[in-house]
Amino acid sequence: MTNRGIVAAGAALVGGVPVAAWGLMGQQNYAGLPASELDYAFQPWDIGDGVAAVAGGLALVLAVSGAVVLVRRSLRGAMDQRWWGVLGPLVALGLMAGVGWRILTAGGIGANIGAGLLIIFGTPIAAGLLLWSLAWAFWLATQGRGHEGGAEWGVASRGL
């Protein structure tokens, strides 16, 4: 597998997690009232629950497939394991984004306390995860070259 294959698997993992979390969680409206009578911090997308569940299921398959490829390549030495320090926080950030969007768009009666707490506490956590991933990726891409048998961008030269 080439660099492109590992990058594609990483993109599948990181991109699939938020869609899977969003789609499989479903709309979190207050039970007992129709959606037209509920208050929203942010208006949810006009996507049916069935379509969201199918998108979430497909995204879950995509994310798991990407994770399997990356784990296998990592165990075989074709991918520098230090890149998990970039992927892990991005996966956590994606999970936060998918679940967070469902919290922000939950219909309720009056104020959405969860949305306020998410904005207050989730934003700095998300920013920290993103900054960590960017800094770690930059360090690996610049300073991390040449380690582990000529690995560049996390792929050993013998795997090309």
N, C-alpha and C. Protein backbone atom coordinates (compact mmCIF):
# COMPACT_ATOMS: atom_id res chain seq x y z
N MET A 1 0.86 -1.18 0.00
CA MET A 1 0.00 0.00 0.00
C MET A 1 0.89 1.23 0.00
N THR A 2 0.52 2.21 -0.73
CA THR A 2 1.29 3.42 -0.86
C THR A 2 0.85 4.46 0.16
N ASN A 3 1.52 5.62 0.11
CA ASN A 3 1.11 6.74 0.96
C ASN A 3 -0.35 7.09 0.75
N ARG A 4 -0.80 7.06 -0.51
CA ARG A 4 -2.18 7.42 -0.81
C ARG A 4 -3.17 6.50 -0.12
N GLY A 5 -2.86 5.22 -0.07
CA GLY A 5 -3.74 4.26 0.58
C GLY A 5 -3.86 4.51 2.07
N ILE A 6 -2.74 4.82 2.70
CA ILE A 6 -2.76 5.09 4.13
C ILE A 6 -3.46 6.41 4.41
N VAL A 7 -3.22 7.41 3.58
CA VAL A 7 -3.91 8.69 3.74
C VAL A 7 -5.41 8.52 3.52
N ALA A 8 -5.80 7.72 2.53
CA ALA A 8 -7.23 7.47 2.27
C ALA A 8 -7.88 6.75 3.44
N ALA A 9 -7.17 5.79 4.03
CA ALA A 9 -7.71 5.08 5.19
C ALA A 9 -7.85 6.03 6.38
N GLY A 10 -6.88 6.91 6.55
CA GLY A 10 -6.98 7.91 7.63
C GLY A 10 -8.13 8.87 7.41
N ALA A 11 -8.32 9.28 6.16
CA ALA A 11 -9.45 10.17 5.85
C ALA A 11 -10.77 9.46 6.07
N ALA A 12 -10.85 8.18 5.73
CA ALA A 12 -12.08 7.41 5.96
C ALA A 12 -12.39 7.31 7.44
N LEU A 13 -11.37 7.08 8.24
CA LEU A 13 -11.57 6.99 9.69
C LEU A 13 -12.01 8.33 10.27
N VAL A 14 -11.24 9.36 9.98
CA VAL A 14 -11.51 10.68 10.56
C VAL A 14 -12.80 11.28 10.02
N GLY A 15 -13.08 11.07 8.75
CA GLY A 15 -14.30 11.62 8.16
C GLY A 15 -15.55 10.80 8.47
N GLY A 16 -15.39 9.50 8.70
CA GLY A 16 -16.54 8.65 8.96
C GLY A 16 -17.08 8.77 10.38
N VAL A 17 -16.23 9.04 11.34
CA VAL A 17 -16.66 9.07 12.74
C VAL A 17 -17.73 10.12 13.03
N PRO A 18 -17.57 11.38 12.61
CA PRO A 18 -18.63 12.35 12.95
C PRO A 18 -19.96 12.04 12.28
N VAL A 19 -19.92 11.56 11.04
CA VAL A 19 -21.16 11.24 10.34
C VAL A 19 -21.83 10.02 11.00
N ALA A 20 -21.03 9.04 11.40
CA ALA A 20 -21.58 7.87 12.08
C ALA A 20 -22.21 8.26 13.41
N ALA A 21 -21.54 9.09 14.18
CA ALA A 21 -22.09 9.51 15.47
C ALA A 21 -23.38 10.30 15.28
N TRP A 22 -23.37 11.22 14.33
CA TRP A 22 -24.55 12.04 14.07
C TRP A 22 -25.71 11.18 13.58
N GLY A 23 -25.45 10.32 12.61
CA GLY A 23 -26.52 9.55 11.99
C GLY A 23 -27.10 8.49 12.90
N LEU A 24 -26.25 7.82 13.67
CA LEU A 24 -26.73 6.74 14.51
C LEU A 24 -27.34 7.22 15.82
N MET A 25 -27.00 8.45 16.23
CA MET A 25 -27.56 8.98 17.47
C MET A 25 -29.02 9.38 17.29
N GLY A 26 -29.37 9.91 16.16
CA GLY A 26 -30.75 10.33 15.90
C GLY A 26 -31.08 11.66 16.56
N GLN A 27 -32.19 12.23 16.14
CA GLN A 27 -32.62 13.52 16.67
C GLN A 27 -33.02 13.38 18.14
N GLN A 28 -32.59 14.29 18.96
CA GLN A 28 -32.79 14.22 20.41
C GLN A 28 -33.84 15.21 20.90
N ASN A 29 -35.02 15.16 20.33
CA ASN A 29 -36.08 16.08 20.72
C ASN A 29 -36.76 15.62 22.01
N TYR A 30 -37.34 16.59 22.69
CA TYR A 30 -38.14 16.32 23.88
C TYR A 30 -39.34 15.48 23.47
N ALA A 31 -39.58 14.39 24.18
CA ALA A 31 -40.70 13.50 23.85
C ALA A 31 -42.01 14.09 24.35
N GLY A 32 -43.05 13.88 23.61
CA GLY A 32 -44.36 14.29 24.05
C GLY A 32 -44.94 15.49 23.33
N LEU A 33 -44.11 16.20 22.60
CA LEU A 33 -44.60 17.36 21.84
C LEU A 33 -44.16 17.22 20.39
N PRO A 34 -44.97 17.72 19.47
CA PRO A 34 -44.53 17.71 18.06
C PRO A 34 -43.36 18.68 17.85
N ALA A 35 -42.55 18.40 16.84
CA ALA A 35 -41.36 19.19 16.57
C ALA A 35 -41.68 20.66 16.32
N SER A 36 -42.87 20.95 15.81
CA SER A 36 -43.24 22.35 15.52
C SER A 36 -43.44 23.18 16.78
N GLU A 37 -43.65 22.55 17.92
CA GLU A 37 -43.87 23.28 19.17
C GLU A 37 -42.63 23.36 20.05
N LEU A 38 -41.52 22.83 19.59
CA LEU A 38 -40.30 22.81 20.40
C LEU A 38 -39.42 24.02 20.09
N ASP A 39 -38.59 24.37 21.05
CA ASP A 39 -37.60 25.44 20.88
C ASP A 39 -36.26 24.80 20.52
N TYR A 40 -35.52 25.47 19.63
CA TYR A 40 -34.24 24.95 19.16
C TYR A 40 -33.16 26.01 19.33
N ALA A 41 -31.99 25.60 19.84
CA ALA A 41 -30.85 26.51 19.86
C ALA A 41 -30.37 26.71 18.42
N PHE A 42 -30.33 25.63 17.66
CA PHE A 42 -30.01 25.65 16.24
C PHE A 42 -30.99 24.73 15.54
N GLN A 43 -31.51 25.16 14.42
CA GLN A 43 -32.49 24.37 13.68
C GLN A 43 -31.81 23.13 13.09
N PRO A 44 -32.37 21.93 13.32
CA PRO A 44 -31.76 20.72 12.74
C PRO A 44 -31.94 20.68 11.23
N TRP A 45 -31.07 19.93 10.57
CA TRP A 45 -31.18 19.74 9.14
C TRP A 45 -32.47 19.00 8.83
N ASP A 46 -33.04 19.28 7.69
CA ASP A 46 -34.28 18.64 7.28
C ASP A 46 -33.97 17.31 6.59
N ILE A 47 -33.47 16.37 7.39
CA ILE A 47 -33.11 15.04 6.91
C ILE A 47 -33.87 14.04 7.77
N GLY A 48 -34.56 13.12 7.12
CA GLY A 48 -35.33 12.12 7.85
C GLY A 48 -34.46 11.22 8.71
N ASP A 49 -35.07 10.67 9.75
CA ASP A 49 -34.33 9.79 10.66
C ASP A 49 -33.81 8.54 9.95
N GLY A 50 -34.58 8.01 9.00
CA GLY A 50 -34.13 6.84 8.26
C GLY A 50 -32.92 7.11 7.39
N VAL A 51 -32.94 8.24 6.71
CA VAL A 51 -31.81 8.62 5.86
C VAL A 51 -30.57 8.87 6.73
N ALA A 52 -30.76 9.53 7.87
CA ALA A 52 -29.63 9.79 8.78
C ALA A 52 -29.06 8.49 9.32
N ALA A 53 -29.93 7.53 9.64
CA ALA A 53 -29.46 6.25 10.16
C ALA A 53 -28.67 5.47 9.10
N VAL A 54 -29.14 5.50 7.86
CA VAL A 54 -28.41 4.83 6.77
C VAL A 54 -27.06 5.49 6.55
N ALA A 55 -27.05 6.82 6.52
CA ALA A 55 -25.78 7.55 6.36
C ALA A 55 -24.83 7.24 7.51
N GLY A 56 -25.37 7.18 8.72
CA GLY A 56 -24.55 6.84 9.88
C GLY A 56 -24.00 5.43 9.81
N GLY A 57 -24.82 4.49 9.36
CA GLY A 57 -24.35 3.11 9.23
C GLY A 57 -23.27 2.97 8.18
N LEU A 58 -23.46 3.62 7.03
CA LEU A 58 -22.43 3.58 5.99
C LEU A 58 -21.14 4.25 6.45
N ALA A 59 -21.28 5.35 7.15
CA ALA A 59 -20.09 6.04 7.67
C ALA A 59 -19.37 5.19 8.72
N LEU A 60 -20.13 4.45 9.52
CA LEU A 60 -19.51 3.56 10.50
C LEU A 60 -18.71 2.47 9.81
N VAL A 61 -19.27 1.89 8.76
CA VAL A 61 -18.54 0.87 7.99
C VAL A 61 -17.27 1.48 7.40
N LEU A 62 -17.36 2.67 6.87
CA LEU A 62 -16.21 3.36 6.29
C LEU A 62 -15.14 3.63 7.35
N ALA A 63 -15.56 4.11 8.51
CA ALA A 63 -14.61 4.42 9.58
C ALA A 63 -13.94 3.15 10.11
N VAL A 64 -14.71 2.10 10.30
CA VAL A 64 -14.12 0.85 10.78
C VAL A 64 -13.16 0.27 9.75
N SER A 65 -13.53 0.34 8.48
CA SER A 65 -12.63 -0.14 7.42
C SER A 65 -11.32 0.64 7.42
N GLY A 66 -11.41 1.95 7.54
CA GLY A 66 -10.20 2.77 7.61
C GLY A 66 -9.35 2.41 8.82
N ALA A 67 -10.00 2.20 9.96
CA ALA A 67 -9.26 1.84 11.17
C ALA A 67 -8.57 0.49 11.02
N VAL A 68 -9.26 -0.47 10.43
CA VAL A 68 -8.66 -1.80 10.23
C VAL A 68 -7.43 -1.71 9.34
N VAL A 69 -7.54 -0.98 8.25
CA VAL A 69 -6.40 -0.82 7.34
C VAL A 69 -5.23 -0.16 8.07
N LEU A 70 -5.51 0.89 8.82
CA LEU A 70 -4.44 1.60 9.52
C LEU A 70 -3.79 0.74 10.60
N VAL A 71 -4.59 -0.01 11.34
CA VAL A 71 -4.02 -0.88 12.37
C VAL A 71 -3.15 -1.95 11.74
N ARG A 72 -3.64 -2.57 10.67
CA ARG A 72 -2.85 -3.60 10.01
C ARG A 72 -1.53 -3.03 9.47
N ARG A 73 -1.59 -1.87 8.82
CA ARG A 73 -0.38 -1.26 8.28
C ARG A 73 0.57 -0.83 9.40
N SER A 74 0.00 -0.39 10.49
CA SER A 74 0.82 0.03 11.62
C SER A 74 1.53 -1.18 12.25
N LEU A 75 0.82 -2.28 12.40
CA LEU A 75 1.41 -3.49 12.98
C LEU A 75 2.48 -4.10 12.08
N ARG A 76 2.32 -3.94 10.79
CA ARG A 76 3.31 -4.46 9.84
C ARG A 76 4.51 -3.53 9.67
N GLY A 77 4.45 -2.37 10.24
CA GLY A 77 5.56 -1.43 10.15
C GLY A 77 5.52 -0.53 8.93
N ALA A 78 4.46 -0.58 8.16
CA ALA A 78 4.35 0.26 6.97
C ALA A 78 3.91 1.68 7.31
N MET A 79 3.36 1.87 8.50
CA MET A 79 2.94 3.20 8.93
C MET A 79 3.61 3.50 10.26
N ASP A 80 4.19 4.66 10.36
CA ASP A 80 4.82 5.09 11.59
C ASP A 80 3.75 5.23 12.67
N GLN A 81 3.93 4.51 13.77
CA GLN A 81 2.90 4.49 14.81
C GLN A 81 2.73 5.83 15.52
N ARG A 82 3.68 6.72 15.35
CA ARG A 82 3.54 8.04 15.97
C ARG A 82 2.39 8.84 15.36
N TRP A 83 1.93 8.46 14.17
CA TRP A 83 0.81 9.16 13.54
C TRP A 83 -0.51 8.91 14.25
N TRP A 84 -0.54 7.90 15.13
CA TRP A 84 -1.75 7.69 15.94
C TRP A 84 -1.95 8.86 16.90
N GLY A 85 -0.87 9.57 17.22
CA GLY A 85 -0.98 10.77 18.04
C GLY A 85 -1.70 11.91 17.33
N VAL A 86 -1.78 11.83 16.02
CA VAL A 86 -2.55 12.79 15.22
C VAL A 86 -3.97 12.27 15.01
N LEU A 87 -4.08 11.00 14.65
CA LEU A 87 -5.38 10.42 14.33
C LEU A 87 -6.30 10.30 15.55
N GLY A 88 -5.76 9.92 16.68
CA GLY A 88 -6.57 9.74 17.89
C GLY A 88 -7.34 10.99 18.29
N PRO A 89 -6.68 12.13 18.44
CA PRO A 89 -7.42 13.35 18.77
C PRO A 89 -8.40 13.77 17.68
N LEU A 90 -8.08 13.51 16.41
CA LEU A 90 -9.02 13.86 15.34
C LEU A 90 -10.27 12.99 15.38
N VAL A 91 -10.10 11.72 15.75
CA VAL A 91 -11.26 10.84 15.90
C VAL A 91 -12.12 11.31 17.08
N ALA A 92 -11.48 11.65 18.19
CA ALA A 92 -12.22 12.18 19.35
C ALA A 92 -12.95 13.47 18.99
N LEU A 93 -12.29 14.33 18.23
CA LEU A 93 -12.91 15.58 17.79
C LEU A 93 -14.11 15.29 16.88
N GLY A 94 -14.00 14.33 16.00
CA GLY A 94 -15.11 13.95 15.14
C GLY A 94 -16.29 13.40 15.92
N LEU A 95 -16.00 12.60 16.93
CA LEU A 95 -17.06 12.08 17.78
C LEU A 95 -17.76 13.22 18.52
N MET A 96 -16.97 14.15 19.02
CA MET A 96 -17.55 15.33 19.68
C MET A 96 -18.40 16.14 18.72
N ALA A 97 -17.95 16.28 17.49
CA ALA A 97 -18.70 17.07 16.50
C ALA A 97 -20.04 16.41 16.16
N GLY A 98 -20.04 15.11 15.93
CA GLY A 98 -21.27 14.40 15.59
C GLY A 98 -22.29 14.42 16.72
N VAL A 99 -21.85 14.09 17.91
CA VAL A 99 -22.74 14.10 19.07
C VAL A 99 -23.11 15.54 19.43
N GLY A 100 -22.14 16.44 19.33
CA GLY A 100 -22.39 17.85 19.66
C GLY A 100 -23.45 18.48 18.78
N TRP A 101 -23.45 18.13 17.48
CA TRP A 101 -24.46 18.70 16.59
C TRP A 101 -25.85 18.22 17.00
N ARG A 102 -25.96 16.98 17.43
CA ARG A 102 -27.26 16.48 17.89
C ARG A 102 -27.69 17.18 19.17
N ILE A 103 -26.76 17.51 20.03
CA ILE A 103 -27.09 18.24 21.27
C ILE A 103 -27.51 19.67 20.93
N LEU A 104 -26.77 20.31 20.04
CA LEU A 104 -27.09 21.69 19.67
C LEU A 104 -28.44 21.82 18.97
N THR A 105 -28.86 20.78 18.25
CA THR A 105 -30.11 20.85 17.50
C THR A 105 -31.26 20.13 18.19
N ALA A 106 -31.07 19.74 19.44
CA ALA A 106 -32.14 19.05 20.16
C ALA A 106 -33.28 20.02 20.46
N GLY A 107 -34.49 19.58 20.19
CA GLY A 107 -35.67 20.39 20.48
C GLY A 107 -36.10 20.19 21.92
N GLY A 108 -36.44 21.27 22.57
CA GLY A 108 -36.86 21.19 23.96
C GLY A 108 -37.85 22.28 24.29
N ILE A 109 -38.16 22.39 25.56
CA ILE A 109 -39.06 23.42 26.04
C ILE A 109 -38.20 24.45 26.76
N GLY A 110 -38.12 25.64 26.22
CA GLY A 110 -37.28 26.68 26.81
C GLY A 110 -35.83 26.55 26.37
N ALA A 111 -34.94 26.88 27.29
CA ALA A 111 -33.51 26.92 26.97
C ALA A 111 -32.93 25.52 26.82
N ASN A 112 -31.96 25.39 25.93
CA ASN A 112 -31.23 24.14 25.73
C ASN A 112 -29.94 24.24 26.55
N ILE A 113 -30.01 23.75 27.78
CA ILE A 113 -28.88 23.83 28.70
C ILE A 113 -27.68 23.05 28.15
N GLY A 114 -27.95 21.91 27.52
CA GLY A 114 -26.87 21.11 26.95
C GLY A 114 -26.10 21.86 25.88
N ALA A 115 -26.81 22.65 25.08
CA ALA A 115 -26.14 23.43 24.04
C ALA A 115 -25.21 24.47 24.66
N GLY A 116 -25.68 25.13 25.70
CA GLY A 116 -24.83 26.12 26.37
C GLY A 116 -23.60 25.49 26.99
N LEU A 117 -23.78 24.36 27.66
CA LEU A 117 -22.64 23.68 28.27
C LEU A 117 -21.66 23.17 27.22
N LEU A 118 -22.21 22.69 26.12
CA LEU A 118 -21.36 22.21 25.03
C LEU A 118 -20.51 23.35 24.45
N ILE A 119 -21.14 24.50 24.26
CA ILE A 119 -20.40 25.64 23.71
C ILE A 119 -19.33 26.11 24.70
N ILE A 120 -19.68 26.18 25.97
CA ILE A 120 -18.73 26.68 26.98
C ILE A 120 -17.56 25.72 27.19
N PHE A 121 -17.86 24.44 27.36
CA PHE A 121 -16.80 23.48 27.69
C PHE A 121 -16.28 22.72 26.47
N GLY A 122 -17.12 22.48 25.50
CA GLY A 122 -16.71 21.69 24.34
C GLY A 122 -15.81 22.44 23.39
N THR A 123 -16.03 23.74 23.25
CA THR A 123 -15.23 24.52 22.31
C THR A 123 -13.75 24.52 22.68
N PRO A 124 -13.38 24.80 23.94
CA PRO A 124 -11.94 24.76 24.25
C PRO A 124 -11.34 23.35 24.13
N ILE A 125 -12.13 22.34 24.46
CA ILE A 125 -11.63 20.97 24.32
C ILE A 125 -11.41 20.65 22.84
N ALA A 126 -12.37 21.01 22.00
CA ALA A 126 -12.24 20.77 20.57
C ALA A 126 -11.05 21.53 19.99
N ALA A 127 -10.88 22.77 20.40
CA ALA A 127 -9.75 23.57 19.92
C ALA A 127 -8.43 22.94 20.36
N GLY A 128 -8.38 22.45 21.58
CA GLY A 128 -7.16 21.79 22.07
C GLY A 128 -6.83 20.54 21.29
N LEU A 129 -7.86 19.72 21.01
CA LEU A 129 -7.63 18.50 20.22
C LEU A 129 -7.14 18.83 18.82
N LEU A 130 -7.75 19.83 18.20
CA LEU A 130 -7.35 20.22 16.85
C LEU A 130 -5.92 20.78 16.84
N LEU A 131 -5.61 21.65 17.78
CA LEU A 131 -4.26 22.21 17.84
C LEU A 131 -3.22 21.14 18.11
N TRP A 132 -3.53 20.21 18.99
CA TRP A 132 -2.61 19.11 19.27
C TRP A 132 -2.33 18.32 18.00
N SER A 133 -3.39 17.96 17.27
CA SER A 133 -3.22 17.18 16.05
C SER A 133 -2.40 17.94 15.00
N LEU A 134 -2.70 19.22 14.84
CA LEU A 134 -1.95 20.01 13.87
C LEU A 134 -0.48 20.13 14.26
N ALA A 135 -0.21 20.40 15.52
CA ALA A 135 1.17 20.54 15.97
C ALA A 135 1.93 19.22 15.84
N TRP A 136 1.30 18.14 16.24
CA TRP A 136 1.94 16.83 16.18
C TRP A 136 2.19 16.43 14.72
N ALA A 137 1.23 16.69 13.84
CA ALA A 137 1.41 16.38 12.41
C ALA A 137 2.53 17.22 11.81
N PHE A 138 2.57 18.50 12.17
CA PHE A 138 3.63 19.36 11.66
C PHE A 138 5.00 18.87 12.13
N TRP A 139 5.08 18.49 13.40
CA TRP A 139 6.35 18.00 13.93
C TRP A 139 6.76 16.70 13.22
N LEU A 140 5.84 15.79 13.05
CA LEU A 140 6.16 14.53 12.38
C LEU A 140 6.56 14.76 10.92
N ALA A 141 5.89 15.69 10.26
CA ALA A 141 6.17 15.94 8.85
C ALA A 141 7.50 16.65 8.65
N THR A 142 7.93 17.41 9.63
CA THR A 142 9.19 18.15 9.46
C THR A 142 10.34 17.52 10.21
N GLN A 143 10.22 17.33 11.49
CA GLN A 143 11.31 16.80 12.31
C GLN A 143 11.36 15.28 12.32
N GLY A 144 10.24 14.64 12.09
CA GLY A 144 10.16 13.19 12.21
C GLY A 144 10.67 12.43 11.01
N ARG A 145 11.08 13.12 9.96
CA ARG A 145 11.55 12.44 8.75
C ARG A 145 12.86 11.71 9.01
N GLY A 146 12.99 10.61 8.30
CA GLY A 146 14.26 9.90 8.34
C GLY A 146 14.35 8.87 9.44
N HIS A 147 13.39 8.80 10.35
CA HIS A 147 13.43 7.81 11.41
C HIS A 147 12.84 6.51 10.91
N GLU A 148 13.18 5.45 11.60
CA GLU A 148 12.66 4.12 11.35
C GLU A 148 12.88 3.67 9.90
N GLY A 149 14.11 3.60 9.51
CA GLY A 149 14.46 3.01 8.22
C GLY A 149 14.06 3.83 7.02
N GLY A 150 14.17 5.13 7.09
CA GLY A 150 13.88 5.96 5.94
C GLY A 150 12.42 6.31 5.79
N ALA A 151 11.66 6.20 6.87
CA ALA A 151 10.24 6.52 6.78
C ALA A 151 10.05 8.01 6.52
N GLU A 152 9.26 8.32 5.56
CA GLU A 152 8.92 9.71 5.26
C GLU A 152 7.41 9.81 5.17
N TRP A 153 6.84 10.73 5.90
CA TRP A 153 5.40 10.90 5.99
C TRP A 153 4.74 9.65 6.55
N GLY A 154 5.49 8.92 7.38
CA GLY A 154 4.89 7.80 8.10
C GLY A 154 4.83 6.49 7.35
N VAL A 155 5.41 6.38 6.17
CA VAL A 155 5.37 5.15 5.42
C VAL A 155 6.80 4.70 5.17
N ALA A 156 7.12 3.48 5.57
CA ALA A 156 8.46 2.97 5.40
C ALA A 156 8.76 2.80 3.91
N SER A 157 10.02 3.02 3.54
CA SER A 157 10.40 2.94 2.13
C SER A 157 10.26 1.53 1.58
N ARG A 158 10.36 0.52 2.43
CA ARG A 158 10.25 -0.85 1.94
C ARG A 158 8.82 -1.19 1.53
N GLY A 159 7.84 -0.38 1.98
CA GLY A 159 6.44 -0.63 1.64
C GLY A 159 6.02 -0.02 0.31
N LEU A 160 6.89 0.73 -0.33
CA LEU A 160 6.53 1.41 -1.58
C LEU A 160 6.85 0.56 -2.77
